Amino acid sequence: MIVTVYQNQVEKALKVLKRQMTKEGLLKELKRRRFYEKPSVKKKRKQKEAKKKRKAALRRMRSHNRL
């Protein structure tokens, strides 16, 4: 991941870097890996994420069918 700083605009470059990291899910991954996650908690988290993805996909499908 490369972010170029133009005309000493460091704040703007940091903002771009943070946006790219968020888009790729790196910040979420770093936060998650900060502490050990028990296998049972990991399983529950994955199930919750899958449910959230299914719900979003269903919402997208329904809105697409209305058009």
N, C-alpha and C. Protein backbone atom coordinates (compact mmCIF):
# COMPACT_ATOMS: atom_id res chain seq x y z
N MET A 1 0.86 -1.16 0.00
CA MET A 1 0.00 0.00 0.00
C MET A 1 0.90 1.23 0.00
N ILE A 2 0.70 2.09 -0.97
CA ILE A 2 1.55 3.28 -1.11
C ILE A 2 0.66 4.51 -1.12
N VAL A 3 1.06 5.50 -0.31
CA VAL A 3 0.37 6.79 -0.28
C VAL A 3 1.44 7.86 -0.53
N THR A 4 1.22 8.68 -1.52
CA THR A 4 2.17 9.73 -1.87
C THR A 4 1.77 11.03 -1.20
N VAL A 5 2.76 11.72 -0.62
CA VAL A 5 2.52 13.01 0.04
C VAL A 5 2.89 14.11 -0.95
N TYR A 6 1.93 14.96 -1.25
CA TYR A 6 2.15 16.07 -2.17
C TYR A 6 2.23 17.38 -1.40
N GLN A 7 3.23 18.18 -1.70
CA GLN A 7 3.39 19.53 -1.14
C GLN A 7 3.26 19.56 0.38
N ASN A 8 3.90 18.62 1.05
CA ASN A 8 3.92 18.54 2.52
C ASN A 8 2.52 18.47 3.15
N GLN A 9 1.56 17.89 2.45
CA GLN A 9 0.21 17.73 3.00
C GLN A 9 0.11 16.36 3.68
N VAL A 10 0.75 16.27 4.85
CA VAL A 10 0.82 15.00 5.58
C VAL A 10 -0.55 14.59 6.09
N GLU A 11 -1.32 15.55 6.58
CA GLU A 11 -2.65 15.23 7.12
C GLU A 11 -3.54 14.60 6.06
N LYS A 12 -3.48 15.16 4.86
CA LYS A 12 -4.29 14.63 3.76
C LYS A 12 -3.83 13.22 3.39
N ALA A 13 -2.52 13.00 3.40
CA ALA A 13 -1.98 11.68 3.08
C ALA A 13 -2.39 10.65 4.13
N LEU A 14 -2.38 11.06 5.40
CA LEU A 14 -2.82 10.16 6.48
C LEU A 14 -4.29 9.80 6.32
N LYS A 15 -5.08 10.77 5.93
CA LYS A 15 -6.51 10.54 5.72
C LYS A 15 -6.72 9.52 4.59
N VAL A 16 -5.94 9.66 3.52
CA VAL A 16 -6.03 8.73 2.39
C VAL A 16 -5.60 7.33 2.83
N LEU A 17 -4.51 7.26 3.60
CA LEU A 17 -4.01 5.97 4.09
C LEU A 17 -5.05 5.28 4.97
N LYS A 18 -5.64 6.04 5.87
CA LYS A 18 -6.65 5.48 6.77
C LYS A 18 -7.85 4.97 5.98
N ARG A 19 -8.27 5.70 4.95
CA ARG A 19 -9.39 5.30 4.12
C ARG A 19 -9.08 4.00 3.38
N GLN A 20 -7.85 3.89 2.86
CA GLN A 20 -7.45 2.67 2.15
C GLN A 20 -7.40 1.48 3.10
N MET A 21 -6.87 1.70 4.30
CA MET A 21 -6.78 0.61 5.28
C MET A 21 -8.17 0.16 5.71
N THR A 22 -9.08 1.10 5.88
CA THR A 22 -10.45 0.75 6.26
C THR A 22 -11.13 -0.03 5.15
N LYS A 23 -10.91 0.41 3.91
CA LYS A 23 -11.53 -0.25 2.77
C LYS A 23 -11.06 -1.70 2.65
N GLU A 24 -9.80 -1.95 2.95
CA GLU A 24 -9.25 -3.31 2.85
C GLU A 24 -9.49 -4.13 4.12
N GLY A 25 -10.02 -3.50 5.16
CA GLY A 25 -10.32 -4.21 6.39
C GLY A 25 -9.13 -4.41 7.30
N LEU A 26 -8.04 -3.68 7.08
CA LEU A 26 -6.84 -3.86 7.90
C LEU A 26 -7.03 -3.35 9.32
N LEU A 27 -7.71 -2.24 9.50
CA LEU A 27 -7.91 -1.70 10.84
C LEU A 27 -8.73 -2.67 11.70
N LYS A 28 -9.76 -3.23 11.08
CA LYS A 28 -10.60 -4.19 11.80
C LYS A 28 -9.79 -5.43 12.18
N GLU A 29 -8.94 -5.87 11.25
CA GLU A 29 -8.10 -7.04 11.48
C GLU A 29 -7.09 -6.78 12.61
N LEU A 30 -6.47 -5.61 12.60
CA LEU A 30 -5.51 -5.27 13.66
C LEU A 30 -6.18 -5.23 15.02
N LYS A 31 -7.35 -4.62 15.07
CA LYS A 31 -8.08 -4.53 16.33
C LYS A 31 -8.46 -5.92 16.84
N ARG A 32 -8.86 -6.78 15.89
CA ARG A 32 -9.28 -8.13 16.26
C ARG A 32 -8.11 -8.97 16.76
N ARG A 33 -6.95 -8.78 16.18
CA ARG A 33 -5.79 -9.59 16.54
C ARG A 33 -5.01 -9.05 17.74
N ARG A 34 -5.46 -7.96 18.31
CA ARG A 34 -4.74 -7.37 19.44
C ARG A 34 -4.69 -8.34 20.63
N PHE A 35 -5.76 -9.09 20.85
CA PHE A 35 -5.83 -10.04 21.95
C PHE A 35 -6.25 -11.40 21.40
N TYR A 36 -5.94 -12.44 22.17
CA TYR A 36 -6.31 -13.79 21.78
C TYR A 36 -7.82 -13.94 21.78
N GLU A 37 -8.34 -14.61 20.79
CA GLU A 37 -9.76 -14.85 20.69
C GLU A 37 -10.02 -16.34 20.81
N LYS A 38 -10.80 -16.72 21.81
CA LYS A 38 -11.09 -18.13 22.00
C LYS A 38 -11.83 -18.68 20.80
N PRO A 39 -11.62 -19.96 20.51
CA PRO A 39 -12.29 -20.55 19.34
C PRO A 39 -13.81 -20.41 19.37
N SER A 40 -14.42 -20.53 20.55
CA SER A 40 -15.88 -20.41 20.62
C SER A 40 -16.33 -18.98 20.30
N VAL A 41 -15.56 -17.99 20.76
CA VAL A 41 -15.88 -16.59 20.49
C VAL A 41 -15.66 -16.29 19.01
N LYS A 42 -14.61 -16.86 18.45
CA LYS A 42 -14.30 -16.68 17.03
C LYS A 42 -15.43 -17.25 16.16
N LYS A 43 -15.93 -18.41 16.55
CA LYS A 43 -17.02 -19.06 15.81
C LYS A 43 -18.27 -18.20 15.86
N LYS A 44 -18.59 -17.66 17.04
CA LYS A 44 -19.78 -16.81 17.18
C LYS A 44 -19.64 -15.54 16.35
N ARG A 45 -18.44 -14.95 16.34
CA ARG A 45 -18.20 -13.73 15.58
C ARG A 45 -18.37 -14.00 14.09
N LYS A 46 -17.82 -15.11 13.63
CA LYS A 46 -17.92 -15.45 12.21
C LYS A 46 -19.39 -15.68 11.81
N GLN A 47 -20.16 -16.35 12.69
CA GLN A 47 -21.57 -16.59 12.41
C GLN A 47 -22.33 -15.26 12.33
N LYS A 48 -22.00 -14.36 13.24
CA LYS A 48 -22.64 -13.05 13.27
C LYS A 48 -22.32 -12.27 11.99
N GLU A 49 -21.05 -12.31 11.55
CA GLU A 49 -20.66 -11.63 10.33
C GLU A 49 -21.36 -12.23 9.11
N ALA A 50 -21.48 -13.55 9.07
CA ALA A 50 -22.14 -14.22 7.95
C ALA A 50 -23.62 -13.83 7.90
N LYS A 51 -24.24 -13.77 9.07
CA LYS A 51 -25.65 -13.38 9.14
C LYS A 51 -25.83 -11.95 8.65
N LYS A 52 -24.91 -11.08 9.02
CA LYS A 52 -24.97 -9.69 8.59
C LYS A 52 -24.81 -9.59 7.07
N LYS A 53 -23.90 -10.39 6.50
CA LYS A 53 -23.69 -10.39 5.04
C LYS A 53 -24.92 -10.91 4.31
N ARG A 54 -25.53 -11.98 4.84
CA ARG A 54 -26.73 -12.53 4.21
C ARG A 54 -27.88 -11.52 4.23
N LYS A 55 -28.02 -10.83 5.36
CA LYS A 55 -29.07 -9.84 5.50
C LYS A 55 -28.88 -8.69 4.51
N ALA A 56 -27.63 -8.25 4.35
CA ALA A 56 -27.33 -7.17 3.41
C ALA A 56 -27.58 -7.62 1.98
N ALA A 57 -27.19 -8.85 1.66
CA ALA A 57 -27.39 -9.38 0.31
C ALA A 57 -28.89 -9.49 0.01
N LEU A 58 -29.66 -9.93 0.98
CA LEU A 58 -31.10 -10.05 0.81
C LEU A 58 -31.71 -8.67 0.59
N ARG A 59 -31.24 -7.67 1.33
CA ARG A 59 -31.73 -6.31 1.19
C ARG A 59 -31.41 -5.78 -0.21
N ARG A 60 -30.19 -6.05 -0.68
CA ARG A 60 -29.79 -5.60 -2.02
C ARG A 60 -30.65 -6.29 -3.08
N MET A 61 -30.89 -7.58 -2.90
CA MET A 61 -31.68 -8.33 -3.87
C MET A 61 -33.10 -7.80 -3.93
N ARG A 62 -33.68 -7.50 -2.79
CA ARG A 62 -35.05 -7.01 -2.74
C ARG A 62 -35.15 -5.62 -3.41
N SER A 63 -34.19 -4.77 -3.14
CA SER A 63 -34.23 -3.43 -3.74
C SER A 63 -33.99 -3.52 -5.24
N HIS A 64 -33.20 -4.48 -5.68
CA HIS A 64 -32.94 -4.66 -7.11
C HIS A 64 -34.19 -5.16 -7.83
N ASN A 65 -34.97 -6.01 -7.17
CA ASN A 65 -36.18 -6.57 -7.78
C ASN A 65 -37.28 -5.51 -7.92
N ARG A 66 -37.24 -4.48 -7.09
CA ARG A 66 -38.27 -3.44 -7.14
C ARG A 66 -38.12 -2.56 -8.37
N LEU A 67 -36.90 -2.48 -8.88
CA LEU A 67 -36.67 -1.60 -10.03
C LEU A 67 -37.20 -2.11 -11.31
